[in-house]
C-alpha atoms as a PDB file:
ATOM      1  CA  MET A   1     -15.430  -1.440  42.300  1.00  0.00           C
ATOM      2  CA  ASP A   2     -15.624   1.969  43.967  1.00  0.00           C
ATOM      3  CA  LEU A   3     -15.476   1.093  47.813  1.00  0.00           C
ATOM      4  CA  SER A   4     -16.038   4.724  48.920  1.00  0.00           C
ATOM      5  CA  ASN A   5     -19.333   4.581  47.940  1.00  0.00           C
ATOM      6  CA  GLN A   6     -20.089   1.195  49.979  1.00  0.00           C
ATOM      7  CA  SER A   7     -21.602   1.293  53.192  1.00  0.00           C
ATOM      8  CA  LEU A   8     -19.479   0.299  56.172  1.00  0.00           C
ATOM      9  CA  VAL A   9     -20.838  -2.529  58.270  1.00  0.00           C
ATOM     10  CA  THR A  10     -21.146  -1.495  61.913  1.00  0.00           C
ATOM     11  CA  GLN A  11     -22.922  -4.425  63.597  1.00  0.00           C
ATOM     12  CA  PHE A  12     -23.625  -8.175  62.512  1.00  0.00           C
ATOM     13  CA  ILE A  13     -26.651 -10.289  62.587  1.00  0.00           C
ATOM     14  CA  ILE A  14     -25.689 -13.937  63.709  1.00  0.00           C
ATOM     15  CA  VAL A  15     -27.703 -16.207  61.883  1.00  0.00           C
ATOM     16  CA  GLY A  16     -27.080 -18.722  64.183  1.00  0.00           C
ATOM     17  CA  PHE A  17     -29.373 -22.103  63.770  1.00  0.00           C
ATOM     18  CA  PRO A  18     -31.922 -21.330  60.943  1.00  0.00           C
ATOM     19  CA  ASP A  19     -33.130 -24.599  59.974  1.00  0.00           C
ATOM     20  CA  LEU A  20     -34.637 -25.682  63.418  1.00  0.00           C
ATOM     21  CA  GLY A  21     -38.266 -25.678  62.879  1.00  0.00           C
ATOM     22  CA  GLY A  22     -39.520 -24.830  65.973  1.00  0.00           C
ATOM     23  CA  SER A  23     -36.952 -26.608  68.137  1.00  0.00           C
ATOM     24  CA  GLU A  24     -35.119 -23.575  69.624  1.00  0.00           C
ATOM     25  CA  ALA A  25     -36.363 -24.275  72.988  1.00  0.00           C
ATOM     26  CA  LEU A  26     -34.947 -27.818  73.251  1.00  0.00           C
ATOM     27  CA  LEU A  27     -31.506 -26.771  71.702  1.00  0.00           C
ATOM     28  CA  PHE A  28     -31.820 -23.731  73.910  1.00  0.00           C
ATOM     29  CA  LEU A  29     -32.050 -26.433  77.004  1.00  0.00           C
ATOM     30  CA  LEU A  30     -29.610 -28.901  75.666  1.00  0.00           C
ATOM     31  CA  LEU A  31     -26.708 -26.203  75.095  1.00  0.00           C
ATOM     32  CA  SER A  32     -27.342 -24.724  78.763  1.00  0.00           C
ATOM     33  CA  ILE A  33     -27.112 -28.088  80.276  1.00  0.00           C
ATOM     34  CA  SER A  34     -23.730 -28.649  78.268  1.00  0.00           C
ATOM     35  CA  PHE A  35     -22.422 -25.203  79.263  1.00  0.00           C
ATOM     36  CA  ILE A  36     -23.320 -25.907  82.960  1.00  0.00           C
ATOM     37  CA  PHE A  37     -21.854 -29.082  82.968  1.00  0.00           C
ATOM     38  CA  THR A  38     -18.534 -27.974  81.190  1.00  0.00           C
ATOM     39  CA  LEU A  39     -18.043 -25.028  84.015  1.00  0.00           C
ATOM     40  CA  SER A  40     -19.025 -27.111  86.900  1.00  0.00           C
ATOM     41  CA  GLY A  41     -16.952 -30.171  85.780  1.00  0.00           C
ATOM     42  CA  ASN A  42     -14.030 -28.028  85.085  1.00  0.00           C
ATOM     43  CA  ILE A  43     -14.295 -26.020  88.156  1.00  0.00           C
ATOM     44  CA  THR A  44     -14.739 -29.496  90.049  1.00  0.00           C
ATOM     45  CA  ILE A  45     -11.204 -30.469  88.509  1.00  0.00           C
ATOM     46  CA  ILE A  46      -9.529 -27.362  89.799  1.00  0.00           C
ATOM     47  CA  ALA A  47     -10.786 -27.500  93.186  1.00  0.00           C
ATOM     48  CA  LEU A  48      -9.595 -31.018  93.448  1.00  0.00           C
ATOM     49  CA  ILE A  49      -6.397 -30.401  92.312  1.00  0.00           C
ATOM     50  CA  CYS A  50      -5.912 -27.233  94.303  1.00  0.00           C
ATOM     51  CA  THR A  51      -7.143 -28.661  97.607  1.00  0.00           C
ATOM     52  CA  HIS A  52      -5.427 -31.998  97.540  1.00  0.00           C
ATOM     53  CA  ARG A  53      -1.527 -31.828  98.007  1.00  0.00           C
ATOM     54  CA  GLN A  54      -0.827 -35.283  96.402  1.00  0.00           C
ATOM     55  CA  LEU A  55      -2.059 -33.828  93.038  1.00  0.00           C
ATOM     56  CA  HIS A  56       0.274 -30.739  93.355  1.00  0.00           C
ATOM     57  CA  VAL A  57       2.534 -32.560  90.307  1.00  0.00           C
ATOM     58  CA  PRO A  58       3.232 -30.907  87.129  1.00  0.00           C
ATOM     59  CA  LEU A  59       0.939 -33.611  85.422  1.00  0.00           C
ATOM     60  CA  TYR A  60      -2.145 -32.525  87.147  1.00  0.00           C
ATOM     61  CA  ILE A  61      -1.088 -28.714  87.166  1.00  0.00           C
ATOM     62  CA  PHE A  62      -1.182 -28.836  83.479  1.00  0.00           C
ATOM     63  CA  VAL A  63      -4.917 -30.621  83.845  1.00  0.00           C
ATOM     64  CA  ALA A  64      -5.927 -27.615  86.021  1.00  0.00           C
ATOM     65  CA  ILE A  65      -4.558 -25.144  83.738  1.00  0.00           C
ATOM     66  CA  LEU A  66      -6.240 -27.004  80.732  1.00  0.00           C
ATOM     67  CA  SER A  67      -9.327 -27.037  82.930  1.00  0.00           C
ATOM     68  CA  PHE A  68      -9.118 -23.086  83.769  1.00  0.00           C
ATOM     69  CA  LEU A  69      -8.541 -22.776  79.825  1.00  0.00           C
ATOM     70  CA  GLU A  70     -11.624 -24.674  78.774  1.00  0.00           C
ATOM     71  CA  ILE A  71     -13.908 -22.469  81.171  1.00  0.00           C
ATOM     72  CA  TRP A  72     -12.887 -19.171  79.241  1.00  0.00           C
ATOM     73  CA  TYR A  73     -13.051 -21.157  75.660  1.00  0.00           C
ATOM     74  CA  THR A  74     -16.645 -22.042  76.125  1.00  0.00           C
ATOM     75  CA  THR A  75     -17.548 -18.620  77.784  1.00  0.00           C
ATOM     76  CA  VAL A  76     -16.367 -16.893  74.580  1.00  0.00           C
ATOM     77  CA  THR A  77     -19.236 -18.156  72.382  1.00  0.00           C
ATOM     78  CA  VAL A  78     -22.124 -20.451  74.332  1.00  0.00           C
ATOM     79  CA  PRO A  79     -23.742 -17.298  76.130  1.00  0.00           C
ATOM     80  CA  LYS A  80     -24.013 -15.766  72.715  1.00  0.00           C
ATOM     81  CA  MET A  81     -25.609 -18.795  71.045  1.00  0.00           C
ATOM     82  CA  LEU A  82     -27.900 -19.130  73.941  1.00  0.00           C
ATOM     83  CA  THR A  83     -28.910 -15.334  73.258  1.00  0.00           C
ATOM     84  CA  ASN A  84     -29.039 -15.951  69.589  1.00  0.00           C
ATOM     85  CA  LEU A  85     -31.532 -18.840  70.071  1.00  0.00           C
ATOM     86  CA  GLN A  86     -33.581 -16.243  72.356  1.00  0.00           C
ATOM     87  CA  ASN A  87     -33.453 -13.909  69.155  1.00  0.00           C
ATOM     88  CA  VAL A  88     -30.954 -11.726  70.204  1.00  0.00           C
ATOM     89  CA  LYS A  89     -28.987 -12.056  67.155  1.00  0.00           C
ATOM     90  CA  THR A  90     -27.022  -8.637  66.724  1.00  0.00           C
ATOM     91  CA  ILE A  91     -23.186  -8.377  67.781  1.00  0.00           C
ATOM     92  CA  SER A  92     -21.256  -5.342  67.262  1.00  0.00           C
ATOM     93  CA  TYR A  93     -18.409  -5.001  64.760  1.00  0.00           C
ATOM     94  CA  VAL A  94     -16.007  -4.503  67.687  1.00  0.00           C
ATOM     95  CA  GLY A  95     -17.300  -7.239  69.726  1.00  0.00           C
ATOM     96  CA  CYS A  96     -17.217  -9.839  66.732  1.00  0.00           C
ATOM     97  CA  LEU A  97     -13.761  -9.089  66.345  1.00  0.00           C
ATOM     98  CA  LEU A  98     -13.022  -9.463  69.889  1.00  0.00           C
ATOM     99  CA  GLN A  99     -15.031 -12.808  70.121  1.00  0.00           C
ATOM    100  CA  ILE A 100     -12.904 -13.936  67.045  1.00  0.00           C
ATOM    101  CA  TYR A 101      -9.562 -13.043  68.807  1.00  0.00           C
ATOM    102  CA  PHE A 102     -10.452 -14.531  71.909  1.00  0.00           C
ATOM    103  CA  PHE A 103     -11.538 -17.529  70.830  1.00  0.00           C
ATOM    104  CA  HIS A 104      -8.863 -18.330  68.555  1.00  0.00           C
ATOM    105  CA  SER A 105      -6.269 -17.233  71.160  1.00  0.00           C
ATOM    106  CA  LEU A 106      -7.435 -19.818  73.712  1.00  0.00           C
ATOM    107  CA  GLY A 107      -7.838 -22.373  71.170  1.00  0.00           C
ATOM    108  CA  ILE A 108      -4.231 -22.031  69.994  1.00  0.00           C
ATOM    109  CA  THR A 109      -3.474 -21.917  73.858  1.00  0.00           C
ATOM    110  CA  GLU A 110      -4.738 -25.097  74.064  1.00  0.00           C
ATOM    111  CA  THR A 111      -3.122 -26.584  71.377  1.00  0.00           C
ATOM    112  CA  TYR A 112       0.337 -25.646  73.094  1.00  0.00           C
ATOM    113  CA  ILE A 113      -0.893 -26.683  76.355  1.00  0.00           C
ATOM    114  CA  LEU A 114      -1.791 -30.251  75.159  1.00  0.00           C
ATOM    115  CA  THR A 115       1.757 -30.158  73.731  1.00  0.00           C
ATOM    116  CA  ALA A 116       3.244 -29.234  76.892  1.00  0.00           C
ATOM    117  CA  MET A 117       1.691 -32.204  78.531  1.00  0.00           C
ATOM    118  CA  ALA A 118       2.798 -34.372  75.971  1.00  0.00           C
ATOM    119  CA  PHE A 119       6.515 -33.270  76.846  1.00  0.00           C
ATOM    120  CA  ASP A 120       5.788 -33.895  80.505  1.00  0.00           C
ATOM    121  CA  ARG A 121       4.552 -37.685  80.072  1.00  0.00           C
ATOM    122  CA  TYR A 122       7.621 -38.165  77.810  1.00  0.00           C
ATOM    123  CA  LEU A 123       9.944 -36.984  80.270  1.00  0.00           C
ATOM    124  CA  ALA A 124       8.540 -38.969  82.902  1.00  0.00           C
ATOM    125  CA  ILE A 125       8.229 -42.078  81.194  1.00  0.00           C
ATOM    126  CA  CYS A 126      11.385 -41.991  79.064  1.00  0.00           C
ATOM    127  CA  ASP A 127      13.575 -40.183  81.377  1.00  0.00           C
ATOM    128  CA  PRO A 128      12.221 -40.814  85.055  1.00  0.00           C
ATOM    129  CA  LEU A 129      15.724 -40.070  86.877  1.00  0.00           C
ATOM    130  CA  ARG A 130      15.936 -36.430  85.475  1.00  0.00           C
ATOM    131  CA  TYR A 131      12.067 -35.593  85.432  1.00  0.00           C
ATOM    132  CA  PRO A 132      12.024 -34.518  89.188  1.00  0.00           C
ATOM    133  CA  SER A 133      14.852 -32.087  88.519  1.00  0.00           C
ATOM    134  CA  VAL A 134      13.957 -30.871  84.960  1.00  0.00           C
ATOM    135  CA  MET A 135       9.832 -30.611  85.478  1.00  0.00           C
ATOM    136  CA  THR A 136       9.771 -28.684  88.456  1.00  0.00           C
ATOM    137  CA  THR A 137       6.711 -26.699  89.724  1.00  0.00           C
ATOM    138  CA  ALA A 138       8.474 -23.472  88.466  1.00  0.00           C
ATOM    139  CA  CYS A 139       8.959 -25.024  85.354  1.00  0.00           C
ATOM    140  CA  CYS A 140       5.473 -26.279  84.802  1.00  0.00           C
ATOM    141  CA  PHE A 141       4.230 -22.806  85.529  1.00  0.00           C
ATOM    142  CA  GLN A 142       6.866 -21.277  83.195  1.00  0.00           C
ATOM    143  CA  MET A 143       5.975 -23.605  80.232  1.00  0.00           C
ATOM    144  CA  ALA A 144       2.130 -22.853  80.784  1.00  0.00           C
ATOM    145  CA  ALA A 145       2.901 -19.124  80.707  1.00  0.00           C
ATOM    146  CA  CYS A 146       4.840 -19.437  77.533  1.00  0.00           C
ATOM    147  CA  CYS A 147       1.796 -21.250  75.918  1.00  0.00           C
ATOM    148  CA  TRP A 148      -0.653 -18.290  77.385  1.00  0.00           C
ATOM    149  CA  VAL A 149       1.578 -15.547  75.673  1.00  0.00           C
ATOM    150  CA  ILE A 150       2.253 -17.329  72.285  1.00  0.00           C
ATOM    151  CA  GLY A 151      -1.512 -18.487  72.183  1.00  0.00           C
ATOM    152  CA  PHE A 152      -2.487 -14.751  72.432  1.00  0.00           C
ATOM    153  CA  LEU A 153      -0.028 -13.533  70.029  1.00  0.00           C
ATOM    154  CA  GLY A 154      -0.980 -16.357  67.513  1.00  0.00           C
ATOM    155  CA  PRO A 155      -4.340 -14.959  66.092  1.00  0.00           C
ATOM    156  CA  LEU A 156      -3.354 -11.237  65.864  1.00  0.00           C
ATOM    157  CA  THR A 157      -2.343 -11.132  62.205  1.00  0.00           C
ATOM    158  CA  GLN A 158      -5.343 -12.645  60.781  1.00  0.00           C
ATOM    159  CA  VAL A 159      -7.580 -10.333  63.176  1.00  0.00           C
ATOM    160  CA  ILE A 160      -5.677  -7.428  61.793  1.00  0.00           C
ATOM    161  CA  LEU A 161      -6.045  -8.314  58.013  1.00  0.00           C
ATOM    162  CA  LEU A 162      -9.586  -9.092  58.621  1.00  0.00           C
ATOM    163  CA  SER A 163     -10.169  -5.554  60.315  1.00  0.00           C
ATOM    164  CA  HIS A 164      -8.862  -4.065  57.124  1.00  0.00           C
ATOM    165  CA  LEU A 165     -11.367  -5.770  55.058  1.00  0.00           C
ATOM    166  CA  PHE A 166     -14.226  -3.663  53.516  1.00  0.00           C
ATOM    167  CA  LEU A 167     -17.403  -5.590  54.507  1.00  0.00           C
ATOM    168  CA  CYS A 168     -20.405  -3.963  52.498  1.00  0.00           C
ATOM    169  CA  ARG A 169     -22.146  -7.377  50.856  1.00  0.00           C
ATOM    170  CA  SER A 170     -24.272  -8.019  54.251  1.00  0.00           C
ATOM    171  CA  ASN A 171     -24.142  -8.143  57.873  1.00  0.00           C
ATOM    172  CA  ARG A 172     -25.634 -11.323  58.299  1.00  0.00           C
ATOM    173  CA  VAL A 173     -22.741 -13.717  59.369  1.00  0.00           C
ATOM    174  CA  GLU A 174     -23.815 -17.381  58.312  1.00  0.00           C
ATOM    175  CA  HIS A 175     -22.641 -19.128  61.792  1.00  0.00           C
ATOM    176  CA  ILE A 176     -23.348 -19.781  65.455  1.00  0.00           C
ATOM    177  CA  PHE A 177     -20.708 -17.276  66.133  1.00  0.00           C
ATOM    178  CA  CYS A 178     -18.141 -14.791  64.648  1.00  0.00           C
ATOM    179  CA  ASP A 179     -15.371 -16.494  62.874  1.00  0.00           C
ATOM    180  CA  PHE A 180     -12.648 -15.454  60.066  1.00  0.00           C
ATOM    181  CA  ALA A 181     -14.518 -17.311  57.002  1.00  0.00           C
ATOM    182  CA  PRO A 182     -18.023 -16.220  57.789  1.00  0.00           C
ATOM    183  CA  LEU A 183     -16.927 -12.796  57.857  1.00  0.00           C
ATOM    184  CA  MET A 184     -14.434 -12.891  54.912  1.00  0.00           C
ATOM    185  CA  SER A 185     -16.948 -14.079  52.853  1.00  0.00           C
ATOM    186  CA  LEU A 186     -19.120 -10.407  53.340  1.00  0.00           C
ATOM    187  CA  ALA A 187     -15.977  -8.632  51.810  1.00  0.00           C
ATOM    188  CA  CYS A 188     -16.269  -6.743  48.733  1.00  0.00           C
ATOM    189  CA  SER A 189     -12.299  -6.239  48.919  1.00  0.00           C
ATOM    190  CA  ASP A 190      -9.917  -9.147  47.913  1.00  0.00           C
ATOM    191  CA  ILE A 191      -9.755 -11.781  50.499  1.00  0.00           C
ATOM    192  CA  ALA A 192      -6.958 -14.079  48.677  1.00  0.00           C
ATOM    193  CA  LEU A 193      -4.196 -12.783  51.262  1.00  0.00           C
ATOM    194  CA  ASN A 194      -6.510 -13.652  54.217  1.00  0.00           C
ATOM    195  CA  VAL A 195      -7.288 -17.186  52.948  1.00  0.00           C
ATOM    196  CA  LYS A 196      -3.626 -17.862  52.493  1.00  0.00           C
ATOM    197  CA  VAL A 197      -2.541 -16.177  56.026  1.00  0.00           C
ATOM    198  CA  ASP A 198      -5.111 -18.094  57.779  1.00  0.00           C
ATOM    199  CA  PHE A 199      -4.443 -21.264  56.019  1.00  0.00           C
ATOM    200  CA  VAL A 200      -0.761 -21.081  56.575  1.00  0.00           C
ATOM    201  CA  ILE A 201      -0.937 -20.020  60.468  1.00  0.00           C
ATOM    202  CA  ASN A 202      -3.507 -22.669  61.315  1.00  0.00           C
ATOM    203  CA  PHE A 203      -1.694 -25.475  59.291  1.00  0.00           C
ATOM    204  CA  PHE A 204       1.710 -24.416  61.090  1.00  0.00           C
ATOM    205  CA  ILE A 205       0.224 -24.073  64.527  1.00  0.00           C
ATOM    206  CA  ILE A 206      -1.776 -27.522  64.108  1.00  0.00           C
ATOM    207  CA  PHE A 207       0.912 -29.512  62.260  1.00  0.00           C
ATOM    208  CA  VAL A 208       3.935 -28.188  64.466  1.00  0.00           C
ATOM    209  CA  SER A 209       2.060 -29.072  67.803  1.00  0.00           C
ATOM    210  CA  PHE A 210       0.635 -32.249  66.791  1.00  0.00           C
ATOM    211  CA  THR A 211       4.033 -33.342  65.144  1.00  0.00           C
ATOM    212  CA  CYS A 212       5.655 -32.702  68.652  1.00  0.00           C
ATOM    213  CA  ILE A 213       2.991 -34.465  70.060  1.00  0.00           C
ATOM    214  CA  LEU A 214       3.148 -37.658  67.951  1.00  0.00           C
ATOM    215  CA  MET A 215       7.037 -37.674  68.503  1.00  0.00           C
ATOM    216  CA  SER A 216       6.575 -37.806  71.992  1.00  0.00           C
ATOM    217  CA  TYR A 217       4.415 -40.669  72.080  1.00  0.00           C
ATOM    218  CA  PHE A 218       6.439 -42.525  69.847  1.00  0.00           C
ATOM    219  CA  LYS A 219       9.115 -42.435  72.360  1.00  0.00           C
ATOM    220  CA  ILE A 220       6.824 -43.050  75.053  1.00  0.00           C
ATOM    221  CA  ILE A 221       5.383 -46.287  73.559  1.00  0.00           C
ATOM    222  CA  SER A 222       8.921 -47.610  72.240  1.00  0.00           C
ATOM    223  CA  THR A 223      10.048 -47.045  76.124  1.00  0.00           C
ATOM    224  CA  VAL A 224       6.844 -48.359  77.413  1.00  0.00           C
ATOM    225  CA  LEU A 225       7.045 -51.631  75.287  1.00  0.00           C
ATOM    226  CA  LYS A 226      10.608 -52.374  76.729  1.00  0.00           C
ATOM    227  CA  ILE A 227       8.968 -52.642  80.370  1.00  0.00           C
ATOM    228  CA  LYS A 228       8.907 -56.292  80.947  1.00  0.00           C
ATOM    229  CA  THR A 229       5.739 -56.703  83.510  1.00  0.00           C
ATOM    230  CA  ALA A 230       2.212 -55.959  82.046  1.00  0.00           C
ATOM    231  CA  GLU A 231       1.559 -54.087  85.320  1.00  0.00           C
ATOM    232  CA  GLY A 232       4.325 -51.740  84.655  1.00  0.00           C
ATOM    233  CA  ARG A 233       3.215 -51.146  80.929  1.00  0.00           C
ATOM    234  CA  LYS A 234      -0.216 -50.655  82.234  1.00  0.00           C
ATOM    235  CA  LYS A 235       0.630 -47.991  84.627  1.00  0.00           C
ATOM    236  CA  ALA A 236       2.781 -46.392  82.403  1.00  0.00           C
ATOM    237  CA  PHE A 237      -0.264 -45.995  79.380  1.00  0.00           C
ATOM    238  CA  SER A 238      -2.814 -45.121  82.150  1.00  0.00           C
ATOM    239  CA  THR A 239      -1.046 -41.858  82.792  1.00  0.00           C
ATOM    240  CA  CYS A 240      -1.054 -40.892  78.974  1.00  0.00           C
ATOM    241  CA  GLY A 241      -4.987 -42.400  77.976  1.00  0.00           C
ATOM    242  CA  ALA A 242      -6.903 -39.240  79.131  1.00  0.00           C
ATOM    243  CA  HIS A 243      -4.400 -36.676  77.113  1.00  0.00           C
ATOM    244  CA  LEU A 244      -4.347 -38.940  74.092  1.00  0.00           C
ATOM    245  CA  THR A 245      -8.324 -39.181  73.894  1.00  0.00           C
ATOM    246  CA  VAL A 246      -8.678 -35.116  74.395  1.00  0.00           C
ATOM    247  CA  VAL A 247      -5.836 -34.760  71.899  1.00  0.00           C
ATOM    248  CA  PHE A 248      -7.701 -36.589  69.066  1.00  0.00           C
ATOM    249  CA  LEU A 249     -10.978 -35.162  70.083  1.00  0.00           C
ATOM    250  CA  PHE A 250      -9.729 -31.564  69.862  1.00  0.00           C
ATOM    251  CA  TYR A 251      -6.988 -31.824  66.861  1.00  0.00           C
ATOM    252  CA  GLY A 252      -9.780 -34.086  65.015  1.00  0.00           C
ATOM    253  CA  SER A 253     -12.491 -31.498  64.902  1.00  0.00           C
ATOM    254  CA  VAL A 254     -10.093 -28.262  64.627  1.00  0.00           C
ATOM    255  CA  CYS A 255      -8.257 -29.790  61.546  1.00  0.00           C
ATOM    256  CA  PHE A 256     -11.618 -30.619  60.021  1.00  0.00           C
ATOM    257  CA  MET A 257     -12.682 -26.862  60.224  1.00  0.00           C
ATOM    258  CA  TYR A 258      -9.644 -25.212  59.846  1.00  0.00           C
ATOM    259  CA  VAL A 259      -7.386 -26.781  57.916  1.00  0.00           C
ATOM    260  CA  ARG A 260      -8.523 -26.026  54.398  1.00  0.00           C
ATOM    261  CA  PRO A 261      -7.470 -23.461  51.877  1.00  0.00           C
ATOM    262  CA  VAL A 262     -10.688 -22.616  50.539  1.00  0.00           C
ATOM    263  CA  LYS A 263     -14.235 -22.775  51.900  1.00  0.00           C
ATOM    264  CA  ILE A 264     -15.291 -25.729  50.543  1.00  0.00           C
ATOM    265  CA  ASN A 265     -18.212 -27.002  52.633  1.00  0.00           C
ATOM    266  CA  SER A 266     -21.648 -25.947  53.478  1.00  0.00           C
ATOM    267  CA  PRO A 267     -22.734 -23.292  56.240  1.00  0.00           C
ATOM    268  CA  ASN A 268     -24.677 -26.593  58.077  1.00  0.00           C
ATOM    269  CA  TYR A 269     -21.181 -28.440  57.823  1.00  0.00           C
ATOM    270  CA  ASP A 270     -19.567 -25.564  59.384  1.00  0.00           C
ATOM    271  CA  ARG A 271     -22.224 -25.249  62.328  1.00  0.00           C
ATOM    272  CA  VAL A 272     -22.184 -28.986  63.243  1.00  0.00           C
ATOM    273  CA  MET A 273     -18.437 -29.084  63.333  1.00  0.00           C
ATOM    274  CA  ALA A 274     -18.552 -25.430  65.373  1.00  0.00           C
ATOM    275  CA  VAL A 275     -20.960 -27.219  67.769  1.00  0.00           C
ATOM    276  CA  ILE A 276     -18.261 -30.295  68.142  1.00  0.00           C
ATOM    277  CA  TYR A 277     -15.166 -28.255  68.998  1.00  0.00           C
ATOM    278  CA  SER A 278     -16.798 -25.187  70.893  1.00  0.00           C
ATOM    279  CA  VAL A 279     -19.433 -27.352  72.835  1.00  0.00           C
ATOM    280  CA  LEU A 280     -19.114 -30.974  72.863  1.00  0.00           C
ATOM    281  CA  THR A 281     -15.275 -31.356  73.226  1.00  0.00           C
ATOM    282  CA  PRO A 282     -14.805 -28.971  76.261  1.00  0.00           C
ATOM    283  CA  MET A 283     -17.641 -30.633  77.880  1.00  0.00           C
ATOM    284  CA  CYS A 284     -16.377 -34.279  77.474  1.00  0.00           C
ATOM    285  CA  ASN A 285     -12.817 -33.186  78.802  1.00  0.00           C
ATOM    286  CA  PRO A 286     -14.012 -33.381  82.660  1.00  0.00           C
ATOM    287  CA  VAL A 287     -15.354 -36.798  81.971  1.00  0.00           C
ATOM    288  CA  ILE A 288     -12.490 -37.898  80.473  1.00  0.00           C
ATOM    289  CA  TYR A 289      -9.862 -36.760  82.904  1.00  0.00           C
ATOM    290  CA  SER A 290     -12.099 -37.804  85.801  1.00  0.00           C
ATOM    291  CA  LEU A 291     -13.044 -41.203  84.607  1.00  0.00           C
ATOM    292  CA  ARG A 292      -9.582 -42.281  83.110  1.00  0.00           C
ATOM    293  CA  ASN A 293      -7.356 -41.002  85.854  1.00  0.00           C
ATOM    294  CA  GLN A 294      -6.963 -43.101  88.690  1.00  0.00           C
ATOM    295  CA  GLU A 295      -5.449 -40.367  91.345  1.00  0.00           C
ATOM    296  CA  ILE A 296      -8.334 -37.779  90.193  1.00  0.00           C
ATOM    297  CA  ARG A 297     -11.073 -40.628  90.637  1.00  0.00           C
ATOM    298  CA  LYS A 298      -9.615 -41.561  94.227  1.00  0.00           C
ATOM    299  CA  VAL A 299      -9.683 -38.075  95.309  1.00  0.00           C
ATOM    300  CA  LEU A 300     -13.012 -37.638  93.868  1.00  0.00           C
ATOM    301  CA  ARG A 301     -14.439 -40.559  95.465  1.00  0.00           C
ATOM    302  CA  GLN A 302     -13.211 -39.561  98.901  1.00  0.00           C
ATOM    303  CA  LYS A 303     -14.804 -36.118  98.602  1.00  0.00           C
ATOM    304  CA  LEU A 304     -17.998 -37.571  97.517  1.00  0.00           C
ATOM    305  CA  ALA A 305     -17.819 -40.034 100.572  1.00  0.00           C
ATOM    306  CA  LYS A 306     -17.349 -37.150 103.067  1.00  0.00           C
ATOM    307  CA  LEU A 307     -20.073 -35.448 101.639  1.00  0.00           C
ATOM    308  CA  PHE A 308     -22.763 -37.996 101.305  1.00  0.00           C
END
């Protein structure tokens, strides 16, 4: 095919949710409530941790960093979904690539933050005598900084390869926001390399981080089962419950979406999975950490008691 005669795409139309049948207003309301709840919940957790000295320990510092990340993770996509429901469906070529880059950068950063949190719990439970000297506040922030740097380097190769594709078939993106697979489907040039690189990078990131988490929890469970008292075992497990719940929610939805060598599912499947990992999972995280964590519950009750 002579690509020189093909027209270049300069902006895209995000198809969004095409089969709502007049329910756009209802979905707009639900997404708005979810977005506001996610922002307010994560901001509340950050404020509680920053303003109470008893929470200035690595476990809660990581929770605050994760909440900060979730705010930006949802902000990258949800506002555009809302404007899409108001029939503002266009996005520039550069804007689309930037949305893909920041969405995946923040997602990769989250995988590493969750891995760092698993290591923190492993060290606290399996090697408690060394924990205060190893997991200092400085070490905690250094680990978090590494997660952010590696996360923002993660999707660069994929975005660069995507930017070199010749997109000429259409400017309609069959998704609710810009992503690699919907844009690659618009290419006239060969996408075999892009598909392979996407699969390898996504599989490597998810496999390595999830394996590290599983190994940490295997050690944690082995150590906790050796504790003689039921109260001791319960206390040890209570610090891990919220983290494990978030891990399975996040990795479960991401694996179903991205760890596949070819596009084998329908656009509607992709839309549903995208809503789960970009809207519902970040919305659940503040609830999980506030309900399953005794210290945060205690501080939250104290704050509410003072207010009311």
